[in-house]
Amino acid sequence: MTAKQIMTQLKKLGNPSTKKILMKHGAQEPLFGVKVADLKTILKKTKKNYELALELYDTGNSDAMYLAG
């Protein structure tokens, strides 16, 4: 998977109520509000990929940055 494909998938998985909860707990814009369980399923597909993690972190999106970590 590429960073662009993952960002598209994160956008589809985003949820306004989850976004509201995450922002109450300190997450900052931009973010889509993806549940951690959904992020873990993406992580299983991508495995450990350092270059992909750097690309995701550089997007500045909180969901992508969490996934990169």
C-alpha atoms as a PDB file:
ATOM      1  CA  MET A   1       0.000   0.000   0.000  1.00  0.00           C
ATOM      2  CA  THR A   2       1.110   3.537  -0.697  1.00  0.00           C
ATOM      3  CA  ALA A   3       0.654   6.555   1.528  1.00  0.00           C
ATOM      4  CA  LYS A   4      -1.939   7.961  -0.892  1.00  0.00           C
ATOM      5  CA  GLN A   5      -3.985   4.744  -0.749  1.00  0.00           C
ATOM      6  CA  ILE A   6      -3.829   4.716   3.038  1.00  0.00           C
ATOM      7  CA  MET A   7      -4.939   8.354   3.264  1.00  0.00           C
ATOM      8  CA  THR A   8      -7.917   7.553   1.023  1.00  0.00           C
ATOM      9  CA  GLN A   9      -8.809   4.604   3.241  1.00  0.00           C
ATOM     10  CA  LEU A  10      -8.468   6.717   6.396  1.00  0.00           C
ATOM     11  CA  LYS A  11     -10.805   9.315   4.925  1.00  0.00           C
ATOM     12  CA  LYS A  12     -13.417   6.615   4.253  1.00  0.00           C
ATOM     13  CA  LEU A  13     -13.075   5.212   7.784  1.00  0.00           C
ATOM     14  CA  GLY A  14     -13.379   8.621   9.453  1.00  0.00           C
ATOM     15  CA  ASN A  15     -16.274   9.148  11.834  1.00  0.00           C
ATOM     16  CA  PRO A  16     -17.476  12.574  13.108  1.00  0.00           C
ATOM     17  CA  SER A  17     -18.350  11.276  16.590  1.00  0.00           C
ATOM     18  CA  THR A  18     -14.953   9.598  16.961  1.00  0.00           C
ATOM     19  CA  LYS A  19     -13.307  12.789  15.750  1.00  0.00           C
ATOM     20  CA  LYS A  20     -15.140  14.775  18.431  1.00  0.00           C
ATOM     21  CA  ILE A  21     -13.996  12.361  21.149  1.00  0.00           C
ATOM     22  CA  LEU A  22     -10.387  12.370  19.947  1.00  0.00           C
ATOM     23  CA  MET A  23     -10.333  16.167  19.858  1.00  0.00           C
ATOM     24  CA  LYS A  24     -11.635  16.268  23.460  1.00  0.00           C
ATOM     25  CA  HIS A  25      -8.641  14.126  24.418  1.00  0.00           C
ATOM     26  CA  GLY A  26      -6.106  16.413  22.760  1.00  0.00           C
ATOM     27  CA  ALA A  27      -5.902  15.337  19.104  1.00  0.00           C
ATOM     28  CA  GLN A  28      -5.484  18.271  16.735  1.00  0.00           C
ATOM     29  CA  GLU A  29      -6.734  19.030  13.247  1.00  0.00           C
ATOM     30  CA  PRO A  30      -6.347  17.751  10.621  1.00  0.00           C
ATOM     31  CA  LEU A  31      -7.789  14.359  11.450  1.00  0.00           C
ATOM     32  CA  PHE A  32     -10.571  12.140  10.112  1.00  0.00           C
ATOM     33  CA  GLY A  33     -11.603  10.457  13.379  1.00  0.00           C
ATOM     34  CA  VAL A  34     -10.598   6.876  12.605  1.00  0.00           C
ATOM     35  CA  LYS A  35     -11.049   4.332  15.401  1.00  0.00           C
ATOM     36  CA  VAL A  36      -7.860   2.754  16.753  1.00  0.00           C
ATOM     37  CA  ALA A  37      -9.218  -0.726  15.923  1.00  0.00           C
ATOM     38  CA  ASP A  38      -9.502   0.310  12.260  1.00  0.00           C
ATOM     39  CA  LEU A  39      -5.962   1.705  12.332  1.00  0.00           C
ATOM     40  CA  LYS A  40      -4.697  -1.634  13.639  1.00  0.00           C
ATOM     41  CA  THR A  41      -6.288  -3.507  10.716  1.00  0.00           C
ATOM     42  CA  ILE A  42      -4.439  -1.203   8.303  1.00  0.00           C
ATOM     43  CA  LEU A  43      -1.241  -1.783  10.254  1.00  0.00           C
ATOM     44  CA  LYS A  44      -1.593  -5.561   9.797  1.00  0.00           C
ATOM     45  CA  LYS A  45      -1.689  -5.039   6.026  1.00  0.00           C
ATOM     46  CA  THR A  46       1.302  -2.710   5.855  1.00  0.00           C
ATOM     47  CA  LYS A  47       3.553  -4.468   8.409  1.00  0.00           C
ATOM     48  CA  LYS A  48       6.747  -2.603   9.345  1.00  0.00           C
ATOM     49  CA  ASN A  49       7.660  -0.161   6.596  1.00  0.00           C
ATOM     50  CA  TYR A  50       9.929   2.704   7.646  1.00  0.00           C
ATOM     51  CA  GLU A  51       9.642   4.694   4.405  1.00  0.00           C
ATOM     52  CA  LEU A  52       5.841   4.466   4.454  1.00  0.00           C
ATOM     53  CA  ALA A  53       5.794   5.570   8.094  1.00  0.00           C
ATOM     54  CA  LEU A  54       7.837   8.660   7.221  1.00  0.00           C
ATOM     55  CA  GLU A  55       5.476   9.530   4.360  1.00  0.00           C
ATOM     56  CA  LEU A  56       2.428   9.134   6.590  1.00  0.00           C
ATOM     57  CA  TYR A  57       3.974  11.240   9.344  1.00  0.00           C
ATOM     58  CA  ASP A  58       4.796  14.005   6.883  1.00  0.00           C
ATOM     59  CA  THR A  59       1.100  14.364   5.952  1.00  0.00           C
ATOM     60  CA  GLY A  60       0.440  16.109   9.266  1.00  0.00           C
ATOM     61  CA  ASN A  61      -2.837  14.210   9.672  1.00  0.00           C
ATOM     62  CA  SER A  62      -3.214  12.979  13.255  1.00  0.00           C
ATOM     63  CA  ASP A  63      -4.701   9.622  12.197  1.00  0.00           C
ATOM     64  CA  ALA A  64      -1.868   8.991   9.746  1.00  0.00           C
ATOM     65  CA  MET A  65       0.723  10.102  12.296  1.00  0.00           C
ATOM     66  CA  TYR A  66      -0.714   7.677  14.884  1.00  0.00           C
ATOM     67  CA  LEU A  67      -0.563   4.884  12.311  1.00  0.00           C
ATOM     68  CA  ALA A  68       3.032   5.787  11.451  1.00  0.00           C
ATOM     69  CA  GLY A  69       4.026   5.502  15.099  1.00  0.00           C
END
